[in-house]
Amino acid sequence: MQVAKWGNSLAVRLPASVVEALELREGDDIEIVVEQSRTFAIRRKPGTDELLQRLRRFRGRLPADFKFSRDDANERDDGRD
């Protein structure tokens, strides 16, 4: 695959074999996820139905030692250390 300039962004053209394997069509949303150092996976973005199924399976179960910290959740790394 080759990375090309597309306006102010970069674009990757997917080979036909990847498009066929993922059954992609123009306009589909996908995710490119870095899995390990310098390796990645391309997958469809989950649709509304799949996200709802995930939420139903989750059902609010968090680890027993989980503690929500509003400060941690809103912390920003602005690079000024």
PDB file of N, CA and C in Angstrom:
ATOM      1  N   MET A   1       0.844  -1.172   0.000  1.00  0.00           N
ATOM      2  CA  MET A   1       0.000   0.000   0.000  1.00  0.00           C
ATOM      3  C   MET A   1       0.888   1.234   0.000  1.00  0.00           C
ATOM      4  N   GLN A   2       0.391   2.255  -0.603  1.00  0.00           N
ATOM      5  CA  GLN A   2       1.136   3.496  -0.700  1.00  0.00           C
ATOM      6  C   GLN A   2       0.361   4.614  -0.016  1.00  0.00           C
ATOM      7  N   VAL A   3       1.089   5.442   0.720  1.00  0.00           N
ATOM      8  CA  VAL A   3       0.493   6.611   1.365  1.00  0.00           C
ATOM      9  C   VAL A   3       0.591   7.772   0.384  1.00  0.00           C
ATOM     10  N   ALA A   4      -0.526   8.477   0.184  1.00  0.00           N
ATOM     11  CA  ALA A   4      -0.557   9.591  -0.762  1.00  0.00           C
ATOM     12  C   ALA A   4      -1.158  10.818  -0.093  1.00  0.00           C
ATOM     13  N   LYS A   5      -0.828  11.968  -0.593  1.00  0.00           N
ATOM     14  CA  LYS A   5      -1.384  13.231  -0.098  1.00  0.00           C
ATOM     15  C   LYS A   5      -2.796  13.391  -0.646  1.00  0.00           C
ATOM     16  N   TRP A   6      -3.735  13.785   0.221  1.00  0.00           N
ATOM     17  CA  TRP A   6      -5.118  14.030  -0.186  1.00  0.00           C
ATOM     18  C   TRP A   6      -5.560  15.311   0.511  1.00  0.00           C
ATOM     19  N   GLY A   7      -5.439  16.432  -0.160  1.00  0.00           N
ATOM     20  CA  GLY A   7      -5.691  17.723   0.478  1.00  0.00           C
ATOM     21  C   GLY A   7      -4.640  17.967   1.535  1.00  0.00           C
ATOM     22  N   ASN A   8      -5.075  18.267   2.771  1.00  0.00           N
ATOM     23  CA  ASN A   8      -4.147  18.450   3.889  1.00  0.00           C
ATOM     24  C   ASN A   8      -3.917  17.164   4.665  1.00  0.00           C
ATOM     25  N   SER A   9      -4.498  16.061   4.198  1.00  0.00           N
ATOM     26  CA  SER A   9      -4.409  14.783   4.900  1.00  0.00           C
ATOM     27  C   SER A   9      -3.578  13.793   4.096  1.00  0.00           C
ATOM     28  N   LEU A  10      -3.390  12.618   4.684  1.00  0.00           N
ATOM     29  CA  LEU A  10      -2.757  11.511   3.987  1.00  0.00           C
ATOM     30  C   LEU A  10      -3.800  10.420   3.781  1.00  0.00           C
ATOM     31  N   ALA A  11      -3.679   9.680   2.692  1.00  0.00           N
ATOM     32  CA  ALA A  11      -4.641   8.622   2.378  1.00  0.00           C
ATOM     33  C   ALA A  11      -3.894   7.344   2.028  1.00  0.00           C
ATOM     34  N   VAL A  12      -4.549   6.218   2.282  1.00  0.00           N
ATOM     35  CA  VAL A  12      -4.010   4.911   1.919  1.00  0.00           C
ATOM     36  C   VAL A  12      -5.015   4.246   0.999  1.00  0.00           C
ATOM     37  N   ARG A  13      -4.567   3.762  -0.126  1.00  0.00           N
ATOM     38  CA  ARG A  13      -5.442   3.044  -1.049  1.00  0.00           C
ATOM     39  C   ARG A  13      -5.386   1.570  -0.672  1.00  0.00           C
ATOM     40  N   LEU A  14      -6.564   0.989  -0.414  1.00  0.00           N
ATOM     41  CA  LEU A  14      -6.639  -0.414  -0.006  1.00  0.00           C
ATOM     42  C   LEU A  14      -6.653  -1.316  -1.229  1.00  0.00           C
ATOM     43  N   PRO A  15      -5.882  -2.403  -1.196  1.00  0.00           N
ATOM     44  CA  PRO A  15      -5.904  -3.347  -2.303  1.00  0.00           C
ATOM     45  C   PRO A  15      -7.275  -4.018  -2.418  1.00  0.00           C
ATOM     46  N   ALA A  16      -7.626  -4.431  -3.626  1.00  0.00           N
ATOM     47  CA  ALA A  16      -8.917  -5.073  -3.878  1.00  0.00           C
ATOM     48  C   ALA A  16      -9.133  -6.277  -2.970  1.00  0.00           C
ATOM     49  N   SER A  17      -8.076  -7.021  -2.657  1.00  0.00           N
ATOM     50  CA  SER A  17      -8.228  -8.208  -1.804  1.00  0.00           C
ATOM     51  C   SER A  17      -8.704  -7.846  -0.406  1.00  0.00           C
ATOM     52  N   VAL A  18      -8.234  -6.706   0.134  1.00  0.00           N
ATOM     53  CA  VAL A  18      -8.670  -6.241   1.456  1.00  0.00           C
ATOM     54  C   VAL A  18     -10.114  -5.764   1.387  1.00  0.00           C
ATOM     55  N   VAL A  19     -10.440  -5.024   0.338  1.00  0.00           N
ATOM     56  CA  VAL A  19     -11.802  -4.518   0.151  1.00  0.00           C
ATOM     57  C   VAL A  19     -12.785  -5.683   0.063  1.00  0.00           C
ATOM     58  N   GLU A  20     -12.422  -6.713  -0.687  1.00  0.00           N
ATOM     59  CA  GLU A  20     -13.294  -7.884  -0.822  1.00  0.00           C
ATOM     60  C   GLU A  20     -13.412  -8.644   0.491  1.00  0.00           C
ATOM     61  N   ALA A  21     -12.300  -8.835   1.193  1.00  0.00           N
ATOM     62  CA  ALA A  21     -12.319  -9.593   2.453  1.00  0.00           C
ATOM     63  C   ALA A  21     -13.196  -8.912   3.503  1.00  0.00           C
ATOM     64  N   LEU A  22     -13.163  -7.574   3.542  1.00  0.00           N
ATOM     65  CA  LEU A  22     -13.963  -6.827   4.517  1.00  0.00           C
ATOM     66  C   LEU A  22     -15.334  -6.434   3.980  1.00  0.00           C
ATOM     67  N   GLU A  23     -15.589  -6.781   2.713  1.00  0.00           N
ATOM     68  CA  GLU A  23     -16.853  -6.435   2.056  1.00  0.00           C
ATOM     69  C   GLU A  23     -17.141  -4.939   2.181  1.00  0.00           C
ATOM     70  N   LEU A  24     -16.133  -4.138   1.855  1.00  0.00           N
ATOM     71  CA  LEU A  24     -16.256  -2.689   1.971  1.00  0.00           C
ATOM     72  C   LEU A  24     -16.903  -2.094   0.736  1.00  0.00           C
ATOM     73  N   ARG A  25     -17.583  -0.982   0.962  1.00  0.00           N
ATOM     74  CA  ARG A  25     -18.174  -0.197  -0.122  1.00  0.00           C
ATOM     75  C   ARG A  25     -17.809   1.256   0.095  1.00  0.00           C
ATOM     76  N   GLU A  26     -17.866   2.044  -0.955  1.00  0.00           N
ATOM     77  CA  GLU A  26     -17.562   3.460  -0.843  1.00  0.00           C
ATOM     78  C   GLU A  26     -18.461   4.093   0.216  1.00  0.00           C
ATOM     79  N   GLY A  27     -17.853   4.868   1.107  1.00  0.00           N
ATOM     80  CA  GLY A  27     -18.603   5.535   2.165  1.00  0.00           C
ATOM     81  C   GLY A  27     -18.614   4.783   3.483  1.00  0.00           C
ATOM     82  N   ASP A  28     -18.177   3.504   3.503  1.00  0.00           N
ATOM     83  CA  ASP A  28     -18.126   2.741   4.756  1.00  0.00           C
ATOM     84  C   ASP A  28     -17.108   3.364   5.699  1.00  0.00           C
ATOM     85  N   ASP A  29     -17.380   3.310   7.001  1.00  0.00           N
ATOM     86  CA  ASP A  29     -16.427   3.757   8.017  1.00  0.00           C
ATOM     87  C   ASP A  29     -15.584   2.571   8.440  1.00  0.00           C
ATOM     88  N   ILE A  30     -14.261   2.780   8.525  1.00  0.00           N
ATOM     89  CA  ILE A  30     -13.363   1.736   9.005  1.00  0.00           C
ATOM     90  C   ILE A  30     -12.472   2.321  10.091  1.00  0.00           C
ATOM     91  N   GLU A  31     -11.827   1.434  10.826  1.00  0.00           N
ATOM     92  CA  GLU A  31     -10.837   1.830  11.821  1.00  0.00           C
ATOM     93  C   GLU A  31      -9.518   1.191  11.442  1.00  0.00           C
ATOM     94  N   ILE A  32      -8.449   1.932  11.609  1.00  0.00           N
ATOM     95  CA  ILE A  32      -7.111   1.356  11.496  1.00  0.00           C
ATOM     96  C   ILE A  32      -6.543   1.426  12.894  1.00  0.00           C
ATOM     97  N   VAL A  33      -6.290   0.245  13.485  1.00  0.00           N
ATOM     98  CA  VAL A  33      -5.903   0.149  14.884  1.00  0.00           C
ATOM     99  C   VAL A  33      -4.491  -0.399  14.980  1.00  0.00           C
ATOM    100  N   VAL A  34      -3.615   0.298  15.707  1.00  0.00           N
ATOM    101  CA  VAL A  34      -2.264  -0.194  15.944  1.00  0.00           C
ATOM    102  C   VAL A  34      -2.349  -1.262  17.030  1.00  0.00           C
ATOM    103  N   GLU A  35      -1.918  -2.481  16.685  1.00  0.00           N
ATOM    104  CA  GLU A  35      -2.042  -3.589  17.628  1.00  0.00           C
ATOM    105  C   GLU A  35      -0.762  -3.832  18.411  1.00  0.00           C
ATOM    106  N   GLN A  36       0.357  -3.815  17.761  1.00  0.00           N
ATOM    107  CA  GLN A  36       1.641  -3.970  18.423  1.00  0.00           C
ATOM    108  C   GLN A  36       2.580  -2.991  17.752  1.00  0.00           C
ATOM    109  N   SER A  37       3.824  -3.001  18.142  1.00  0.00           N
ATOM    110  CA  SER A  37       4.720  -2.021  17.536  1.00  0.00           C
ATOM    111  C   SER A  37       4.762  -2.215  16.026  1.00  0.00           C
ATOM    112  N   ARG A  38       4.316  -1.177  15.334  1.00  0.00           N
ATOM    113  CA  ARG A  38       4.382  -1.092  13.875  1.00  0.00           C
ATOM    114  C   ARG A  38       3.533  -2.132  13.140  1.00  0.00           C
ATOM    115  N   THR A  39       2.568  -2.753  13.797  1.00  0.00           N
ATOM    116  CA  THR A  39       1.606  -3.607  13.105  1.00  0.00           C
ATOM    117  C   THR A  39       0.225  -3.029  13.331  1.00  0.00           C
ATOM    118  N   PHE A  40      -0.670  -3.271  12.401  1.00  0.00           N
ATOM    119  CA  PHE A  40      -1.996  -2.683  12.530  1.00  0.00           C
ATOM    120  C   PHE A  40      -3.039  -3.618  11.935  1.00  0.00           C
ATOM    121  N   ALA A  41      -4.281  -3.318  12.245  1.00  0.00           N
ATOM    122  CA  ALA A  41      -5.416  -4.068  11.701  1.00  0.00           C
ATOM    123  C   ALA A  41      -6.400  -3.068  11.123  1.00  0.00           C
ATOM    124  N   ILE A  42      -7.022  -3.446  10.035  1.00  0.00           N
ATOM    125  CA  ILE A  42      -8.077  -2.634   9.432  1.00  0.00           C
ATOM    126  C   ILE A  42      -9.377  -3.372   9.658  1.00  0.00           C
ATOM    127  N   ARG A  43     -10.364  -2.687  10.189  1.00  0.00           N
ATOM    128  CA  ARG A  43     -11.659  -3.337  10.409  1.00  0.00           C
ATOM    129  C   ARG A  43     -12.766  -2.317  10.258  1.00  0.00           C
ATOM    130  N   ARG A  44     -13.947  -2.853  10.013  1.00  0.00           N
ATOM    131  CA  ARG A  44     -15.113  -1.983   9.919  1.00  0.00           C
ATOM    132  C   ARG A  44     -15.363  -1.322  11.258  1.00  0.00           C
ATOM    133  N   LYS A  45     -15.807  -0.091  11.233  1.00  0.00           N
ATOM    134  CA  LYS A  45     -16.253   0.553  12.465  1.00  0.00           C
ATOM    135  C   LYS A  45     -17.553  -0.111  12.870  1.00  0.00           C
ATOM    136  N   PRO A  46     -17.740  -0.373  14.143  1.00  0.00           N
ATOM    137  CA  PRO A  46     -18.992  -1.008  14.565  1.00  0.00           C
ATOM    138  C   PRO A  46     -20.191  -0.105  14.311  1.00  0.00           C
ATOM    139  N   GLY A  47     -21.267  -0.712  13.847  1.00  0.00           N
ATOM    140  CA  GLY A  47     -22.499   0.027  13.610  1.00  0.00           C
ATOM    141  C   GLY A  47     -23.289   0.189  14.891  1.00  0.00           C
ATOM    142  N   THR A  48     -24.397   0.869  14.803  1.00  0.00           N
ATOM    143  CA  THR A  48     -25.237   1.127  15.964  1.00  0.00           C
ATOM    144  C   THR A  48     -25.689  -0.165  16.628  1.00  0.00           C
ATOM    145  N   ASP A  49     -26.118  -1.146  15.828  1.00  0.00           N
ATOM    146  CA  ASP A  49     -26.592  -2.414  16.395  1.00  0.00           C
ATOM    147  C   ASP A  49     -25.495  -3.121  17.174  1.00  0.00           C
ATOM    148  N   GLU A  50     -24.280  -3.155  16.606  1.00  0.00           N
ATOM    149  CA  GLU A  50     -23.172  -3.817  17.304  1.00  0.00           C
ATOM    150  C   GLU A  50     -22.802  -3.079  18.582  1.00  0.00           C
ATOM    151  N   LEU A  51     -22.797  -1.759  18.552  1.00  0.00           N
ATOM    152  CA  LEU A  51     -22.493  -0.989  19.758  1.00  0.00           C
ATOM    153  C   LEU A  51     -23.535  -1.236  20.847  1.00  0.00           C
ATOM    154  N   LEU A  52     -24.802  -1.314  20.469  1.00  0.00           N
ATOM    155  CA  LEU A  52     -25.849  -1.618  21.449  1.00  0.00           C
ATOM    156  C   LEU A  52     -25.660  -3.012  22.044  1.00  0.00           C
ATOM    157  N   GLN A  53     -25.290  -3.983  21.216  1.00  0.00           N
ATOM    158  CA  GLN A  53     -25.034  -5.327  21.728  1.00  0.00           C
ATOM    159  C   GLN A  53     -23.889  -5.318  22.727  1.00  0.00           C
ATOM    160  N   ARG A  54     -22.822  -4.579  22.429  1.00  0.00           N
ATOM    161  CA  ARG A  54     -21.686  -4.481  23.356  1.00  0.00           C
ATOM    162  C   ARG A  54     -22.121  -3.868  24.679  1.00  0.00           C
ATOM    163  N   LEU A  55     -22.925  -2.810  24.611  1.00  0.00           N
ATOM    164  CA  LEU A  55     -23.404  -2.178  25.847  1.00  0.00           C
ATOM    165  C   LEU A  55     -24.270  -3.134  26.661  1.00  0.00           C
ATOM    166  N   ARG A  56     -25.119  -3.897  25.988  1.00  0.00           N
ATOM    167  CA  ARG A  56     -25.964  -4.855  26.709  1.00  0.00           C
ATOM    168  C   ARG A  56     -25.136  -5.937  27.374  1.00  0.00           C
ATOM    169  N   ARG A  57     -24.066  -6.400  26.697  1.00  0.00           N
ATOM    170  CA  ARG A  57     -23.185  -7.416  27.312  1.00  0.00           C
ATOM    171  C   ARG A  57     -22.433  -6.821  28.495  1.00  0.00           C
ATOM    172  N   PHE A  58     -22.032  -5.565  28.388  1.00  0.00           N
ATOM    173  CA  PHE A  58     -21.280  -4.889  29.440  1.00  0.00           C
ATOM    174  C   PHE A  58     -22.112  -4.774  30.710  1.00  0.00           C
ATOM    175  N   ARG A  59     -23.335  -4.303  30.588  1.00  0.00           N
ATOM    176  CA  ARG A  59     -24.293  -4.181  31.680  1.00  0.00           C
ATOM    177  C   ARG A  59     -23.723  -3.531  32.952  1.00  0.00           C
ATOM    178  N   GLY A  60     -22.812  -2.589  32.783  1.00  0.00           N
ATOM    179  CA  GLY A  60     -22.316  -1.838  33.938  1.00  0.00           C
ATOM    180  C   GLY A  60     -21.339  -2.586  34.817  1.00  0.00           C
ATOM    181  N   ARG A  61     -20.826  -3.717  34.342  1.00  0.00           N
ATOM    182  CA  ARG A  61     -19.878  -4.482  35.163  1.00  0.00           C
ATOM    183  C   ARG A  61     -18.485  -3.869  35.065  1.00  0.00           C
ATOM    184  N   LEU A  62     -17.990  -3.415  36.162  1.00  0.00           N
ATOM    185  CA  LEU A  62     -16.639  -2.873  36.241  1.00  0.00           C
ATOM    186  C   LEU A  62     -15.851  -3.685  37.256  1.00  0.00           C
ATOM    187  N   PRO A  63     -14.528  -3.691  37.145  1.00  0.00           N
ATOM    188  CA  PRO A  63     -13.723  -4.408  38.145  1.00  0.00           C
ATOM    189  C   PRO A  63     -14.033  -3.900  39.550  1.00  0.00           C
ATOM    190  N   ALA A  64     -13.944  -4.775  40.530  1.00  0.00           N
ATOM    191  CA  ALA A  64     -14.282  -4.430  41.910  1.00  0.00           C
ATOM    192  C   ALA A  64     -13.444  -3.267  42.430  1.00  0.00           C
ATOM    193  N   ASP A  65     -12.193  -3.146  41.967  1.00  0.00           N
ATOM    194  CA  ASP A  65     -11.318  -2.087  42.462  1.00  0.00           C
ATOM    195  C   ASP A  65     -11.364  -0.825  41.597  1.00  0.00           C
ATOM    196  N   PHE A  66     -12.311  -0.736  40.675  1.00  0.00           N
ATOM    197  CA  PHE A  66     -12.409   0.418  39.787  1.00  0.00           C
ATOM    198  C   PHE A  66     -12.881   1.637  40.561  1.00  0.00           C
ATOM    199  N   LYS A  67     -12.181   2.752  40.352  1.00  0.00           N
ATOM    200  CA  LYS A  67     -12.577   4.014  40.964  1.00  0.00           C
ATOM    201  C   LYS A  67     -12.503   5.086  39.891  1.00  0.00           C
ATOM    202  N   PHE A  68     -13.601   5.764  39.682  1.00  0.00           N
ATOM    203  CA  PHE A  68     -13.643   6.828  38.691  1.00  0.00           C
ATOM    204  C   PHE A  68     -13.052   8.093  39.280  1.00  0.00           C
ATOM    205  N   SER A  69     -12.137   8.690  38.549  1.00  0.00           N
ATOM    206  CA  SER A  69     -11.550   9.956  38.967  1.00  0.00           C
ATOM    207  C   SER A  69     -11.848  10.986  37.887  1.00  0.00           C
ATOM    208  N   ARG A  70     -12.676  11.944  38.206  1.00  0.00           N
ATOM    209  CA  ARG A  70     -13.018  12.992  37.250  1.00  0.00           C
ATOM    210  C   ARG A  70     -11.764  13.749  36.833  1.00  0.00           C
ATOM    211  N   ASP A  71     -10.838  13.976  37.774  1.00  0.00           N
ATOM    212  CA  ASP A  71      -9.603  14.688  37.446  1.00  0.00           C
ATOM    213  C   ASP A  71      -8.777  13.904  36.430  1.00  0.00           C
ATOM    214  N   ASP A  72      -8.632  12.590  36.634  1.00  0.00           N
ATOM    215  CA  ASP A  72      -7.887  11.756  35.681  1.00  0.00           C
ATOM    216  C   ASP A  72      -8.577  11.725  34.321  1.00  0.00           C
ATOM    217  N   ALA A  73      -9.890  11.625  34.315  1.00  0.00           N
ATOM    218  CA  ALA A  73     -10.634  11.541  33.064  1.00  0.00           C
ATOM    219  C   ALA A  73     -10.503  12.824  32.250  1.00  0.00           C
ATOM    220  N   ASN A  74     -10.366  13.961  32.911  1.00  0.00           N
ATOM    221  CA  ASN A  74     -10.294  15.247  32.215  1.00  0.00           C
ATOM    222  C   ASN A  74      -8.878  15.793  32.086  1.00  0.00           C
ATOM    223  N   GLU A  75      -7.901  15.007  32.537  1.00  0.00           N
ATOM    224  CA  GLU A  75      -6.519  15.447  32.467  1.00  0.00           C
ATOM    225  C   GLU A  75      -6.065  15.517  31.015  1.00  0.00           C
ATOM    226  N   ARG A  76      -5.340  16.564  30.678  1.00  0.00           N
ATOM    227  CA  ARG A  76      -4.822  16.736  29.337  1.00  0.00           C
ATOM    228  C   ARG A  76      -3.314  16.808  29.377  1.00  0.00           C
ATOM    229  N   ASP A  77      -2.692  16.182  28.394  1.00  0.00           N
ATOM    230  CA  ASP A  77      -1.243  16.261  28.270  1.00  0.00           C
ATOM    231  C   ASP A  77      -0.941  17.299  27.220  1.00  0.00           C
ATOM    232  N   ASP A  78      -0.585  18.504  27.666  1.00  0.00           N
ATOM    233  CA  ASP A  78      -0.310  19.566  26.708  1.00  0.00           C
ATOM    234  C   ASP A  78       1.167  19.645  26.357  1.00  0.00           C
ATOM    235  N   GLY A  79       1.957  18.692  26.856  1.00  0.00           N
ATOM    236  CA  GLY A  79       3.362  18.635  26.498  1.00  0.00           C
ATOM    237  C   GLY A  79       4.249  19.645  27.205  1.00  0.00           C
ATOM    238  N   ARG A  80       3.691  20.363  28.171  1.00  0.00           N
ATOM    239  CA  ARG A  80       4.482  21.377  28.901  1.00  0.00           C
ATOM    240  C   ARG A  80       4.941  20.813  30.236  1.00  0.00           C
ATOM    241  N   ASP A  81       5.900  19.927  30.197  1.00  0.00           N
ATOM    242  CA  ASP A  81       6.421  19.336  31.448  1.00  0.00           C
ATOM    243  C   ASP A  81       7.548  20.128  32.027  1.00  0.00           C
TER     244      ASP A  81
END
